[in-house]
């Protein structure tokens, strides 16, 4: 494979490469806090970008933004570069677009409720299986009635509408438990109180907004400022990346095994995707991870402990970078043994011993070769990034935002007609119709009351009496007077 198809990870007794045609076989970056996982992620992201591959990565600790600025010489960086034959290093910035759910450190990142879908939303709200089934019905009603679910007020309005007239829908959609519906409504209300409303609305991000390159042909690196999000809404963070994984699976075309990946997603703090998740959803995630590689998508899970991932998911991660682990507790020791057993053995490397003694920037690495076979594990020093290690200043970030191709596109929310407005209009029309019907009924009642009623002691009039009574009522009119004169004239004869 040519040099342009390889990514240098670092070097031990020999260089360690990641082959571009095997990136869609996914990867794992693991290690204890402070062992160098973020820098490894940075090195990989900028190398994928140079292949022309767009990348999405979450900045959990707030120190990854420096990937948008050129690095600077440093004695330790120079020393490492010399060992790997990389000196002199061509320091350079990478093309970056910043995103932020709160709109503070990047373009506001929004989704619509409809795009998120009932499965991911149920995961986000922490619903049980029955409640998820009810949510599926609610989404179906919204689709059938043309009710757009864009934000949480749309969802809340539809829930209340169905709750007010559950019987209207049960014939077509099956039984809708009022108890489950009430539980969903309470969960949505609590969710809004936690500030989750900012995630939903328009303009919403789409997959096409992420699958872009810079003017030079480099893949755009999308950095989600996730420090506050991870701290205040870890479930929102997990749901957001689960949505992205689902979108990639559903929308990307089948391409087999491309020479370069079409997109790479880094899922930092990956344990959040699997914590307290029902087995059916874990099975679905495992299926997506397995099948998404045929769409040219690579997924790298970043976590402290390999045991954070389900075994079926861990088994699909062909490219592995394992930083140091601590072995203070029985669970830690179990993790060390589990990590050691996942590598292809190398007689020159005692994995269980090395994995607890490596320094910062060192790692055990095993990647897939050009035939898709795992390489023997090797202990390496990771190469330094060409971009800055550490965060940007606020001024530097603002300058990049001002130059962004998305400047002004996502920065201001738009609230178009959706379920909330349509249901409000329906309610107002129904209220007006009810008021009109009540007024018409009242008028009819008043008309009936104005017609004279016979007294209870009256007898039935004879034909002659009825005629005389009718004639008397008509005396005041011209017709009545003419009739009376004609009658009286006939009597005179």
Protein backbone atom coordinates (compact mmCIF):
# COMPACT_ATOMS: atom_id res chain seq x y z
CA UNK A 1 0.00 0.00 0.00
CA UNK A 2 1.36 3.45 -0.93
CA UNK A 3 2.46 6.01 1.66
CA UNK A 4 -0.62 8.13 0.96
CA UNK A 5 -2.77 5.25 2.19
CA UNK A 6 -1.12 4.93 5.58
CA UNK A 7 -1.38 6.85 8.81
CA UNK A 8 1.64 6.79 11.05
CA UNK A 9 0.53 6.25 14.64
CA UNK A 10 4.00 6.10 16.15
CA UNK A 11 6.94 3.79 16.46
CA UNK A 12 8.45 1.19 18.77
CA UNK A 13 10.93 -1.27 17.39
CA UNK A 14 9.29 -0.49 14.07
CA UNK A 15 6.73 2.05 12.79
CA UNK A 16 3.05 1.40 13.55
CA UNK A 17 0.61 2.28 10.78
CA UNK A 18 -3.12 2.47 10.42
CA UNK A 19 -4.23 1.64 6.89
CA UNK A 20 -6.83 3.92 5.35
CA UNK A 21 -8.74 1.03 3.77
CA UNK A 22 -9.24 -0.51 7.23
CA UNK A 23 -10.48 2.56 9.11
CA UNK A 24 -14.08 1.50 8.51
CA UNK A 25 -13.35 -1.60 10.61
CA UNK A 26 -13.61 0.76 13.60
CA UNK A 27 -11.33 1.30 16.54
CA UNK A 28 -10.79 1.64 20.27
CA UNK A 29 -8.81 4.23 22.18
CA UNK A 30 -8.65 3.25 25.85
CA UNK A 31 -6.70 4.24 28.91
CA UNK A 32 -6.87 5.87 32.31
CA UNK A 33 -7.30 9.61 32.72
CA UNK A 34 -4.14 11.55 31.90
CA UNK A 35 -2.46 8.86 29.79
CA UNK A 36 -2.77 10.66 26.44
CA UNK A 37 -6.08 9.57 24.90
CA UNK A 38 -7.02 13.10 23.79
CA UNK A 39 -3.72 13.62 21.95
CA UNK A 40 -4.13 10.23 20.26
CA UNK A 41 -7.60 11.27 19.15
CA UNK A 42 -6.15 14.55 17.87
CA UNK A 43 -3.43 12.80 15.88
CA UNK A 44 -5.94 10.46 14.24
CA UNK A 45 -8.48 13.20 13.49
CA UNK A 46 -5.96 15.42 11.72
CA UNK A 47 -4.59 12.48 9.72
CA UNK A 48 -8.09 11.44 8.62
CA UNK A 49 -8.71 15.05 7.58
CA UNK A 50 -5.62 14.96 5.37
CA UNK A 51 -7.11 11.94 3.60
CA UNK A 52 -10.12 14.12 2.72
CA UNK A 53 -12.36 12.41 5.29
CA UNK A 54 -14.78 14.52 7.38
CA UNK A 55 -14.53 13.87 11.11
CA UNK A 56 -16.86 14.47 14.05
CA UNK A 57 -15.39 14.57 17.53
CA UNK A 58 -16.65 15.72 20.92
CA UNK A 59 -14.41 17.93 23.04
CA UNK A 60 -15.31 16.59 26.48
CA UNK A 61 -12.55 18.28 28.48
CA UNK A 62 -12.37 21.53 26.52
CA UNK A 63 -8.75 21.04 25.40
CA UNK A 64 -9.22 19.73 21.85
CA UNK A 65 -9.98 23.07 20.20
CA UNK A 66 -6.24 23.59 19.55
CA UNK A 67 -6.62 21.24 16.58
CA UNK A 68 -7.71 24.36 14.68
CA UNK A 69 -4.35 26.11 15.24
CA UNK A 70 -0.80 25.28 14.18
CA UNK A 71 1.42 23.66 16.77
CA UNK A 72 4.72 25.12 17.95
CA UNK A 73 8.16 23.57 18.45
CA UNK A 74 8.82 22.11 21.88
CA UNK A 75 11.85 20.15 23.10
CA UNK A 76 9.82 17.05 23.96
CA UNK A 77 7.95 17.17 20.64
CA UNK A 78 11.22 17.61 18.75
CA UNK A 79 12.83 14.73 20.62
CA UNK A 80 9.95 12.41 19.78
CA UNK A 81 9.83 13.55 16.15
CA UNK A 82 13.54 12.84 15.72
CA UNK A 83 13.08 9.30 17.02
CA UNK A 84 10.39 8.72 14.38
CA UNK A 85 12.14 10.43 11.52
CA UNK A 86 9.53 13.19 11.36
CA UNK A 87 11.87 16.14 11.98
CA UNK A 88 11.36 18.82 10.88
CA UNK A 89 7.63 18.81 11.70
CA UNK A 90 5.47 20.86 9.35
CA UNK A 91 3.20 22.41 12.00
CA UNK A 92 -0.16 23.44 10.58
CA UNK A 93 -3.77 24.15 11.52
CA UNK A 94 -6.71 21.98 10.48
CA UNK A 95 -10.03 23.06 8.96
CA UNK A 96 -12.50 23.09 11.84
CA UNK A 97 -16.14 23.97 12.42
CA UNK A 98 -17.17 24.42 16.05
CA UNK A 99 -20.59 23.32 17.35
CA UNK A 100 -22.25 23.80 20.71
CA UNK A 101 -25.74 22.80 21.86
CA UNK A 102 -25.79 25.95 24.01
CA UNK A 103 -24.49 28.19 21.23
CA UNK A 104 -21.68 29.53 23.41
CA UNK A 105 -18.53 28.04 21.88
CA UNK A 106 -19.78 27.16 18.43
CA UNK A 107 -22.71 27.23 16.06
CA UNK A 108 -25.89 26.13 17.84
CA UNK A 109 -26.36 22.43 17.18
CA UNK A 110 -30.06 21.61 16.98
CA UNK A 111 -32.09 18.55 16.04
CA UNK A 112 -35.82 18.21 15.50
CA UNK A 113 -37.91 15.79 17.51
CA UNK A 114 -38.99 14.08 14.27
CA UNK A 115 -35.38 13.57 13.16
CA UNK A 116 -34.36 12.20 16.53
CA UNK A 117 -37.09 9.57 16.27
CA UNK A 118 -38.98 7.63 18.96
CA UNK A 119 -36.26 5.08 19.71
CA UNK A 120 -33.50 7.58 20.49
CA UNK A 121 -35.96 9.92 22.21
CA UNK A 122 -37.18 7.09 24.43
CA UNK A 123 -33.54 6.41 25.34
CA UNK A 124 -33.03 10.08 26.08
CA UNK A 125 -36.14 10.31 28.27
CA UNK A 126 -35.39 7.05 30.06
CA UNK A 127 -38.72 5.44 29.11
CA UNK A 128 -39.56 1.81 29.73
CA UNK A 129 -40.59 -0.60 26.98
CA UNK A 130 -44.34 0.07 27.26
CA UNK A 131 -43.82 3.82 27.27
CA UNK A 132 -41.60 3.52 24.21
CA UNK A 133 -44.41 1.66 22.43
CA UNK A 134 -46.79 4.53 23.25
CA UNK A 135 -44.21 7.00 21.95
CA UNK A 136 -44.04 5.03 18.70
CA UNK A 137 -47.82 5.44 18.34
CA UNK A 138 -47.56 9.16 19.04
CA UNK A 139 -45.02 9.60 16.27
CA UNK A 140 -47.27 7.61 13.91
CA UNK A 141 -50.23 9.87 14.71
CA UNK A 142 -48.07 12.91 14.04
CA UNK A 143 -47.03 11.50 10.65
CA UNK A 144 -50.58 10.55 9.66
CA UNK A 145 -51.98 13.96 10.57
CA UNK A 146 -49.16 16.02 9.09
CA UNK A 147 -48.10 17.38 12.47
CA UNK A 148 -44.43 18.35 12.44
CA UNK A 149 -42.62 17.61 15.69
CA UNK A 150 -39.81 20.14 15.66
CA UNK A 151 -39.28 21.01 19.31
CA UNK A 152 -40.42 20.00 22.78
CA UNK A 153 -43.44 22.29 22.79
CA UNK A 154 -44.70 20.45 19.69
CA UNK A 155 -44.31 17.11 21.44
CA UNK A 156 -45.92 18.45 24.61
CA UNK A 157 -48.89 19.87 22.65
CA UNK A 158 -49.47 16.56 20.84
CA UNK A 159 -49.27 14.56 24.07
CA UNK A 160 -51.87 16.79 25.72
CA UNK A 161 -54.09 16.67 22.64
CA UNK A 162 -54.11 12.86 22.65
CA UNK A 163 -54.60 12.77 26.42
CA UNK A 164 -57.73 14.92 26.11
CA UNK A 165 -59.36 12.53 23.62
CA UNK A 166 -57.65 9.15 23.83
CA UNK A 167 -60.73 7.29 22.56
CA UNK A 168 -60.52 9.12 19.23
CA UNK A 169 -57.30 7.28 18.34
CA UNK A 170 -57.62 3.87 19.97
CA UNK A 171 -59.75 2.48 17.15
CA UNK A 172 -56.99 3.07 14.57
CA UNK A 173 -53.86 2.76 16.68
CA UNK A 174 -54.71 0.36 19.48
CA UNK A 175 -54.98 0.93 23.20
CA UNK A 176 -53.18 4.01 24.48
CA UNK A 177 -52.55 3.71 28.18
CA UNK A 178 -53.47 6.95 29.94
CA UNK A 179 -51.08 6.03 32.73
CA UNK A 180 -48.13 5.60 30.34
CA UNK A 181 -49.13 8.74 28.47
CA UNK A 182 -49.14 10.68 31.73
CA UNK A 183 -45.70 9.32 32.64
CA UNK A 184 -44.30 10.44 29.28
CA UNK A 185 -45.83 13.91 29.75
CA UNK A 186 -44.24 14.26 33.19
CA UNK A 187 -40.88 13.14 31.83
CA UNK A 188 -41.02 15.68 29.00
CA UNK A 189 -41.91 18.44 31.50
CA UNK A 190 -38.94 17.51 33.70
CA UNK A 191 -36.73 17.32 30.62
CA UNK A 192 -37.67 20.88 29.69
CA UNK A 193 -36.84 22.08 33.18
CA UNK A 194 -33.32 20.67 32.73
CA UNK A 195 -32.78 23.00 29.77
CA UNK A 196 -32.97 20.35 27.06
CA UNK A 197 -35.16 22.63 24.92
CA UNK A 198 -32.02 24.15 23.43
CA UNK A 199 -31.18 20.91 21.63
CA UNK A 200 -34.42 20.90 19.64
CA UNK A 201 -35.64 23.26 16.95
CA UNK A 202 -34.63 24.79 13.66
CA UNK A 203 -32.45 25.45 11.76
CA UNK A 204 -31.50 21.83 12.43
CA UNK A 205 -28.21 20.24 11.49
CA UNK A 206 -28.30 17.56 8.78
CA UNK A 207 -25.87 14.87 7.76
CA UNK A 208 -25.03 16.84 4.60
CA UNK A 209 -23.80 19.69 6.81
CA UNK A 210 -21.16 17.34 8.20
CA UNK A 211 -20.06 15.53 5.03
CA UNK A 212 -18.00 18.43 3.72
CA UNK A 213 -14.42 19.24 2.81
CA UNK A 214 -12.40 22.42 2.99
CA UNK A 215 -11.47 24.40 -0.11
CA UNK A 216 -8.16 22.53 -0.21
CA UNK A 217 -9.93 19.14 -0.21
CA UNK A 218 -9.18 18.26 3.41
CA UNK A 219 -11.96 16.68 5.42
CA UNK A 220 -13.66 19.15 7.73
CA UNK A 221 -13.19 18.41 11.42
CA UNK A 222 -16.39 19.09 13.34
CA UNK A 223 -15.65 19.75 17.02
CA UNK A 224 -18.58 19.65 19.43
CA UNK A 225 -17.90 21.73 22.53
CA UNK A 226 -19.20 19.15 24.98
CA UNK A 227 -17.65 20.07 28.32
CA UNK A 228 -20.80 21.74 29.66
CA UNK A 229 -23.07 19.29 27.85
CA UNK A 230 -21.28 16.29 29.35
CA UNK A 231 -21.36 17.86 32.79
CA UNK A 232 -25.01 18.98 32.78
CA UNK A 233 -26.69 16.61 30.32
CA UNK A 234 -24.73 13.40 29.74
CA UNK A 235 -27.85 11.64 28.45
CA UNK A 236 -28.37 14.40 25.89
CA UNK A 237 -24.77 13.97 24.78
CA UNK A 238 -25.19 10.21 24.39
CA UNK A 239 -28.49 10.62 22.51
CA UNK A 240 -26.92 13.17 20.17
CA UNK A 241 -24.15 10.82 19.08
CA UNK A 242 -26.57 7.90 18.93
CA UNK A 243 -28.68 10.00 16.53
CA UNK A 244 -25.61 10.69 14.41
CA UNK A 245 -24.74 6.99 14.32
CA UNK A 246 -28.31 6.19 13.25
CA UNK A 247 -28.30 8.89 10.54
CA UNK A 248 -25.06 7.58 9.10
CA UNK A 249 -26.48 4.06 9.01
CA UNK A 250 -29.78 5.07 7.43
CA UNK A 251 -28.64 7.67 4.90
CA UNK A 252 -25.15 6.72 3.73
CA UNK A 253 -25.06 4.59 0.56
CA UNK A 254 -23.40 1.19 0.46
CA UNK A 255 -19.79 1.51 -0.76
CA UNK A 256 -18.17 -1.68 0.50
CA UNK A 257 -14.55 -1.14 1.60
CA UNK A 258 -13.41 2.20 0.13
CA UNK A 259 -9.73 3.16 -0.05
CA UNK A 260 -10.49 6.11 2.23
CA UNK A 261 -13.37 6.28 4.72
CA UNK A 262 -16.30 8.58 3.93
CA UNK A 263 -16.74 9.72 7.54
CA UNK A 264 -15.21 9.03 10.95
CA UNK A 265 -17.01 9.46 14.26
CA UNK A 266 -15.18 9.58 17.59
CA UNK A 267 -17.42 8.66 20.52
CA UNK A 268 -15.65 9.93 23.63
CA UNK A 269 -16.84 8.67 27.03
CA UNK A 270 -18.39 5.77 25.12
CA UNK A 271 -19.69 4.08 28.25
CA UNK A 272 -22.58 6.57 28.24
CA UNK A 273 -23.97 4.87 25.17
CA UNK A 274 -24.42 1.60 27.06
CA UNK A 275 -25.12 2.61 30.67
CA UNK A 276 -28.58 1.48 31.87
CA UNK A 277 -29.62 0.59 28.32
CA UNK A 278 -32.07 -2.28 27.67
CA UNK A 279 -30.61 -5.24 25.84
CA UNK A 280 -32.73 -4.76 22.67
CA UNK A 281 -31.17 -1.32 22.17
CA UNK A 282 -27.66 -2.67 22.83
CA UNK A 283 -28.32 -5.35 20.21
CA UNK A 284 -29.47 -2.64 17.78
CA UNK A 285 -26.33 -0.57 18.39
CA UNK A 286 -24.17 -3.65 17.89
CA UNK A 287 -25.95 -4.33 14.59
CA UNK A 288 -25.47 -0.76 13.40
CA UNK A 289 -21.77 -0.81 14.28
CA UNK A 290 -21.36 -4.07 12.37
CA UNK A 291 -23.25 -2.97 9.25
CA UNK A 292 -22.17 0.64 9.03
CA UNK A 293 -18.67 -0.25 7.88
CA UNK A 294 -20.06 -1.20 4.45
CA UNK A 295 -21.06 2.46 4.13
CA UNK A 296 -17.46 3.61 4.54
CA UNK A 297 -17.96 4.90 8.07
CA UNK A 298 -15.42 4.39 10.83
CA UNK A 299 -16.38 4.62 14.50
CA UNK A 300 -13.76 5.01 17.22
CA UNK A 301 -14.89 4.41 20.79
CA UNK A 302 -12.89 6.33 23.38
CA UNK A 303 -13.16 5.11 26.96
CA UNK A 304 -11.15 4.60 30.11
CA UNK A 305 -11.81 0.90 30.41
CA UNK A 306 -12.37 -1.64 27.62
CA UNK A 307 -14.90 -3.37 29.86
CA UNK A 308 -17.16 -0.32 29.46
CA UNK A 309 -18.17 -1.71 26.07
CA UNK A 310 -20.35 -4.78 25.45
CA UNK A 311 -18.37 -7.79 24.32
CA UNK A 312 -20.13 -7.95 20.93
CA UNK A 313 -19.20 -4.32 20.22
CA UNK A 314 -15.65 -4.67 21.52
CA UNK A 315 -15.13 -7.64 19.22
CA UNK A 316 -15.77 -5.47 16.15
CA UNK A 317 -13.08 -2.89 16.90
CA UNK A 318 -10.16 -3.98 14.74
CA UNK A 319 -7.80 -1.02 15.33
CA UNK A 320 -6.76 -0.61 18.95
CA UNK A 321 -4.70 1.91 20.85
CA UNK A 322 -4.41 0.98 24.50
CA UNK A 323 -2.88 3.51 26.88
CA UNK A 324 -1.92 2.69 30.44
CA UNK A 325 -4.45 1.22 32.85
CA UNK A 326 -4.41 1.30 36.63
CA UNK A 327 -4.71 -1.95 38.59
CA UNK A 328 -5.74 -0.82 42.06
CA UNK A 329 -8.99 -2.77 42.40
CA UNK A 330 -10.15 -6.27 41.38
CA UNK A 331 -12.18 -4.69 38.57
CA UNK A 332 -9.07 -2.83 37.36
CA UNK A 333 -7.10 -6.07 37.37
CA UNK A 334 -9.87 -7.78 35.44
CA UNK A 335 -9.77 -4.96 32.87
CA UNK A 336 -6.00 -5.38 32.49
CA UNK A 337 -6.38 -9.09 31.82
CA UNK A 338 -9.30 -8.48 29.43
CA UNK A 339 -7.35 -5.87 27.49
CA UNK A 340 -4.29 -8.12 27.28
CA UNK A 341 -6.34 -11.00 25.90
CA UNK A 342 -7.77 -8.94 23.05
CA UNK A 343 -4.37 -8.37 21.41
CA UNK A 344 -2.60 -10.67 19.02
CA UNK A 345 0.30 -11.95 21.06
CA UNK A 346 3.89 -10.83 20.61
CA UNK A 347 6.65 -12.80 22.32
CA UNK A 348 8.61 -9.60 22.86
CA UNK A 349 5.82 -7.79 24.75
CA UNK A 350 4.49 -8.80 28.18
CA UNK A 351 1.14 -7.04 27.79
CA UNK A 352 -0.16 -7.50 31.35
CA UNK A 353 3.01 -6.00 32.80
CA UNK A 354 3.50 -3.23 30.24
CA UNK A 355 -0.10 -2.04 30.31
CA UNK A 356 0.25 -0.84 33.91
CA UNK A 357 3.70 0.74 33.57
CA UNK A 358 3.53 2.81 30.37
CA UNK A 359 4.08 6.56 30.54
CA UNK A 360 2.06 9.39 28.99
CA UNK A 361 2.11 9.16 25.19
CA UNK A 362 2.99 5.47 25.17
CA UNK A 363 0.52 2.83 24.04
CA UNK A 364 0.06 -0.77 23.07
CA UNK A 365 -1.13 -0.86 19.47
CA UNK A 366 -2.59 -3.48 17.18
CA UNK A 367 -4.10 -2.53 13.83
CA UNK A 368 -5.48 -4.39 10.84
CA UNK A 369 -3.02 -4.98 8.01
CA UNK A 370 -3.88 -4.61 4.32
CA UNK A 371 -5.52 -8.07 4.39
CA UNK A 372 -7.64 -7.25 7.42
CA UNK A 373 -5.59 -9.35 9.84
CA UNK A 374 -4.64 -7.96 13.28
CA UNK A 375 -0.95 -7.14 13.62
CA UNK A 376 0.94 -8.44 16.67
CA UNK A 377 0.72 -6.07 19.60
CA UNK A 378 3.57 -3.60 19.92
CA UNK A 379 4.53 -0.98 22.48
CA UNK A 380 5.05 2.39 20.79
CA UNK A 381 5.58 6.07 21.36
CA UNK A 382 2.74 7.94 19.65
CA UNK A 383 3.65 10.58 17.09
CA UNK A 384 3.00 14.21 18.04
CA UNK A 385 0.21 16.15 16.33
CA UNK A 386 1.04 18.98 13.91
CA UNK A 387 -1.65 21.15 15.49
CA UNK A 388 -1.61 22.77 18.89
CA UNK A 389 -1.85 20.64 22.01
CA UNK A 390 -4.24 22.46 24.30
CA UNK A 391 -7.23 24.81 23.90
CA UNK A 392 -7.66 27.96 21.83
CA UNK A 393 -8.17 31.31 23.47
CA UNK A 394 -11.66 32.82 23.36
CA UNK A 395 -10.43 35.38 20.81
CA UNK A 396 -8.98 32.68 18.55
CA UNK A 397 -12.19 30.70 18.66
CA UNK A 398 -14.26 33.79 17.84
CA UNK A 399 -12.03 34.57 14.85
CA UNK A 400 -12.57 31.06 13.47
CA UNK A 401 -16.32 31.39 14.01
CA UNK A 402 -16.37 34.65 12.05
CA UNK A 403 -14.72 32.91 9.08
CA UNK A 404 -16.96 29.85 9.25
CA UNK A 405 -18.95 28.92 6.15
CA UNK A 406 -21.96 28.44 8.45
CA UNK A 407 -21.77 31.91 9.97
CA UNK A 408 -25.32 33.23 10.32
CA UNK A 409 -26.98 30.04 9.08
CA UNK A 410 -27.56 28.33 12.43
CA UNK A 411 -27.08 31.21 14.81
CA UNK A 412 -30.70 32.37 15.06
CA UNK A 413 -33.63 30.04 15.85
CA UNK A 414 -36.60 29.77 13.48
CA UNK A 415 -40.06 28.77 14.73
CA UNK A 416 -42.24 27.81 11.75
CA UNK A 417 -45.73 26.33 11.85
CA UNK A 418 -45.65 22.87 13.38
CA UNK A 419 -47.71 20.66 15.70
CA UNK A 420 -48.03 23.29 18.43
CA UNK A 421 -49.46 25.95 16.10
CA UNK A 422 -51.71 23.55 14.18
CA UNK A 423 -53.19 22.01 17.30
CA UNK A 424 -53.72 25.46 18.75
CA UNK A 425 -55.59 26.49 15.58
CA UNK A 426 -57.70 23.32 15.74
CA UNK A 427 -58.56 24.02 19.36
CA UNK A 428 -59.55 27.61 18.61
CA UNK A 429 -61.69 26.52 15.64
CA UNK A 430 -63.39 23.86 17.75
CA UNK A 431 -64.05 26.43 20.46
CA UNK A 432 -65.54 28.88 17.93
CA UNK A 433 -67.72 26.12 16.47
CA UNK A 434 -68.95 25.19 19.94
CA UNK A 435 -69.73 28.82 20.74
CA UNK A 436 -71.61 29.25 17.43
CA UNK A 437 -73.61 26.10 18.09
CA UNK A 438 -74.49 27.32 21.57
CA UNK A 439 -75.61 30.71 20.21
CA UNK A 440 -77.77 29.04 17.54
CA UNK A 441 -79.36 26.80 20.16
CA UNK A 442 -80.07 29.80 22.35
CA UNK A 443 -81.70 31.70 19.47
CA UNK A 444 -83.90 28.71 18.67
CA UNK A 445 -84.98 28.53 22.29
CA UNK A 446 -85.81 32.24 22.34
CA UNK A 447 -87.86 31.93 19.12
CA UNK A 448 -89.94 29.11 20.60
CA UNK A 449 -90.56 31.15 23.73
CA UNK A 450 -91.88 34.17 21.69
CA UNK A 451 -94.71 32.16 20.04
CA UNK A 452 -98.03 32.53 22.07
CA UNK A 453 -99.10 29.33 23.71
CA UNK A 454 -102.79 28.32 24.28
CA UNK A 455 -103.95 28.49 27.87
CA UNK A 456 -104.54 25.30 29.67
CA UNK A 457 -108.33 25.89 29.80
CA UNK A 458 -108.83 26.76 26.13
CA UNK A 459 -111.01 24.67 23.82
CA UNK A 460 -110.48 23.83 20.15
CA UNK A 461 -111.67 26.64 17.84
CA UNK A 462 -114.34 26.02 15.21
CA UNK A 463 -113.49 26.77 11.56
CA UNK A 464 -115.57 29.95 11.67
CA UNK A 465 -113.94 31.13 14.88
CA UNK A 466 -110.49 30.46 13.50
CA UNK A 467 -111.39 32.48 10.39
CA UNK A 468 -112.64 35.43 12.39
CA UNK A 469 -109.54 35.33 14.65
CA UNK A 470 -107.27 35.33 11.63
CA UNK A 471 -109.19 38.16 10.05
CA UNK A 472 -109.00 40.20 13.22
CA UNK A 473 -105.20 39.83 13.35
CA UNK A 474 -105.01 41.09 9.79
CA UNK A 475 -107.10 44.22 10.32
CA UNK A 476 -104.03 46.34 10.89
CA UNK A 477 -102.66 45.50 7.47
CA UNK A 478 -103.74 46.80 4.08
CA UNK A 479 -104.65 43.28 2.97
CA UNK A 480 -106.75 42.85 6.09
CA UNK A 481 -108.60 46.11 5.52
CA UNK A 482 -109.38 45.18 1.89
CA UNK A 483 -110.65 41.79 2.96
CA UNK A 484 -112.89 43.32 5.65
CA UNK A 485 -114.36 45.82 3.22
CA UNK A 486 -115.16 43.08 0.71
CA UNK A 487 -116.81 40.99 3.39
CA UNK A 488 -118.93 43.81 4.78
CA UNK A 489 -120.02 44.82 1.26
CA UNK A 490 -121.27 41.32 0.55
CA UNK A 491 -123.31 41.35 3.75
CA UNK A 492 -125.08 44.60 2.73
CA UNK A 493 -126.50 42.93 -0.27
